[in-house]
Amino acid sequence: MKAISRLIESGMTRKQIALSIGVSEQAIGMVARDKRWMSQPMFRSIVELAGKRGVELLARDFLFDSK
């Protein structure tokens, strides 16, 4: 999922993202690898975190990658 990739590109680790939004690092990894959908609260938290970091997210950043 590109939303998490964009946060990582901004200099955050998966662990930092997880701690910032109150979920496990494993949950972030599963969402990043398109193995799990994110919950609505997780979605909101990622959008809020991105805003605080100045990372622009688009709707397509929340879609599963087509493989």
C-alpha atoms as a PDB file:
ATOM      1  CA  MET A   1       0.000   0.000   0.000  1.00  0.00           C
ATOM      2  CA  LYS A   2       1.564   3.224  -1.152  1.00  0.00           C
ATOM      3  CA  ALA A   3       0.349   5.334   1.789  1.00  0.00           C
ATOM      4  CA  ILE A   4       2.725   3.509   4.113  1.00  0.00           C
ATOM      5  CA  SER A   5       5.485   3.575   1.506  1.00  0.00           C
ATOM      6  CA  ARG A   6       5.148   7.339   1.249  1.00  0.00           C
ATOM      7  CA  LEU A   7       5.556   7.692   5.024  1.00  0.00           C
ATOM      8  CA  ILE A   8       8.628   5.452   4.885  1.00  0.00           C
ATOM      9  CA  GLU A   9      10.035   7.559   2.037  1.00  0.00           C
ATOM     10  CA  SER A  10       9.595  10.605   4.296  1.00  0.00           C
ATOM     11  CA  GLY A  11      12.078   9.043   6.721  1.00  0.00           C
ATOM     12  CA  MET A  12       9.883   7.034   9.085  1.00  0.00           C
ATOM     13  CA  THR A  13      10.330   3.355   9.878  1.00  0.00           C
ATOM     14  CA  ARG A  14       7.440   0.895  10.122  1.00  0.00           C
ATOM     15  CA  LYS A  15       8.042   0.819  13.864  1.00  0.00           C
ATOM     16  CA  GLN A  16       7.777   4.616  14.119  1.00  0.00           C
ATOM     17  CA  ILE A  17       4.586   4.609  12.072  1.00  0.00           C
ATOM     18  CA  ALA A  18       3.111   1.885  14.269  1.00  0.00           C
ATOM     19  CA  LEU A  19       4.017   3.701  17.499  1.00  0.00           C
ATOM     20  CA  SER A  20       2.671   6.989  16.136  1.00  0.00           C
ATOM     21  CA  ILE A  21      -0.749   5.571  15.318  1.00  0.00           C
ATOM     22  CA  GLY A  22      -1.056   3.005  18.108  1.00  0.00           C
ATOM     23  CA  VAL A  23      -0.910  -0.283  16.219  1.00  0.00           C
ATOM     24  CA  SER A  24       1.617  -3.092  16.047  1.00  0.00           C
ATOM     25  CA  GLU A  25       4.547  -3.078  13.666  1.00  0.00           C
ATOM     26  CA  GLN A  26       3.198  -6.378  12.311  1.00  0.00           C
ATOM     27  CA  ALA A  27      -0.125  -4.704  11.439  1.00  0.00           C
ATOM     28  CA  ILE A  28       1.731  -2.006   9.501  1.00  0.00           C
ATOM     29  CA  GLY A  29       3.753  -4.674   7.692  1.00  0.00           C
ATOM     30  CA  MET A  30       0.677  -6.668   6.724  1.00  0.00           C
ATOM     31  CA  VAL A  31      -1.101  -3.584   5.383  1.00  0.00           C
ATOM     32  CA  ALA A  32       2.054  -2.490   3.547  1.00  0.00           C
ATOM     33  CA  ARG A  33       2.295  -5.918   1.870  1.00  0.00           C
ATOM     34  CA  ASP A  34      -1.405  -5.894   0.910  1.00  0.00           C
ATOM     35  CA  LYS A  35      -2.124  -8.845   3.211  1.00  0.00           C
ATOM     36  CA  ARG A  36      -4.642  -6.966   5.348  1.00  0.00           C
ATOM     37  CA  TRP A  37      -7.111  -4.105   4.945  1.00  0.00           C
ATOM     38  CA  MET A  38      -6.653  -1.235   7.345  1.00  0.00           C
ATOM     39  CA  SER A  39      -9.441  -0.326   9.730  1.00  0.00           C
ATOM     40  CA  GLN A  40     -11.181   3.021   9.494  1.00  0.00           C
ATOM     41  CA  PRO A  41      -9.389   4.328  12.636  1.00  0.00           C
ATOM     42  CA  MET A  42      -6.049   3.200  11.177  1.00  0.00           C
ATOM     43  CA  PHE A  43      -6.888   4.952   7.906  1.00  0.00           C
ATOM     44  CA  ARG A  44      -7.685   8.183   9.740  1.00  0.00           C
ATOM     45  CA  SER A  45      -4.511   7.939  11.811  1.00  0.00           C
ATOM     46  CA  ILE A  46      -2.324   7.430   8.736  1.00  0.00           C
ATOM     47  CA  VAL A  47      -3.927  10.401   6.986  1.00  0.00           C
ATOM     48  CA  GLU A  48      -3.415  12.548  10.096  1.00  0.00           C
ATOM     49  CA  LEU A  49       0.203  11.406  10.495  1.00  0.00           C
ATOM     50  CA  ALA A  50       0.931  12.119   6.848  1.00  0.00           C
ATOM     51  CA  GLY A  51      -0.511  15.602   7.228  1.00  0.00           C
ATOM     52  CA  LYS A  52       1.684  16.302  10.249  1.00  0.00           C
ATOM     53  CA  ARG A  53       4.739  15.145   8.298  1.00  0.00           C
ATOM     54  CA  GLY A  54       3.839  17.106   5.173  1.00  0.00           C
ATOM     55  CA  VAL A  55       3.346  13.945   3.115  1.00  0.00           C
ATOM     56  CA  GLU A  56       0.707  14.335   0.421  1.00  0.00           C
ATOM     57  CA  LEU A  57      -1.491  11.269   0.028  1.00  0.00           C
ATOM     58  CA  LEU A  58      -3.892  10.579  -2.812  1.00  0.00           C
ATOM     59  CA  ALA A  59      -6.872   8.230  -2.801  1.00  0.00           C
ATOM     60  CA  ARG A  60      -4.980   5.769  -5.009  1.00  0.00           C
ATOM     61  CA  ASP A  61      -2.296   5.507  -2.289  1.00  0.00           C
ATOM     62  CA  PHE A  62      -4.803   3.476  -0.273  1.00  0.00           C
ATOM     63  CA  LEU A  63      -5.533   0.883  -2.947  1.00  0.00           C
ATOM     64  CA  PHE A  64      -3.927  -2.528  -3.026  1.00  0.00           C
ATOM     65  CA  ASP A  65      -1.213  -2.767  -5.659  1.00  0.00           C
ATOM     66  CA  SER A  66      -2.380  -4.747  -8.650  1.00  0.00           C
ATOM     67  CA  LYS A  67       0.034  -7.613  -9.175  1.00  0.00           C
END
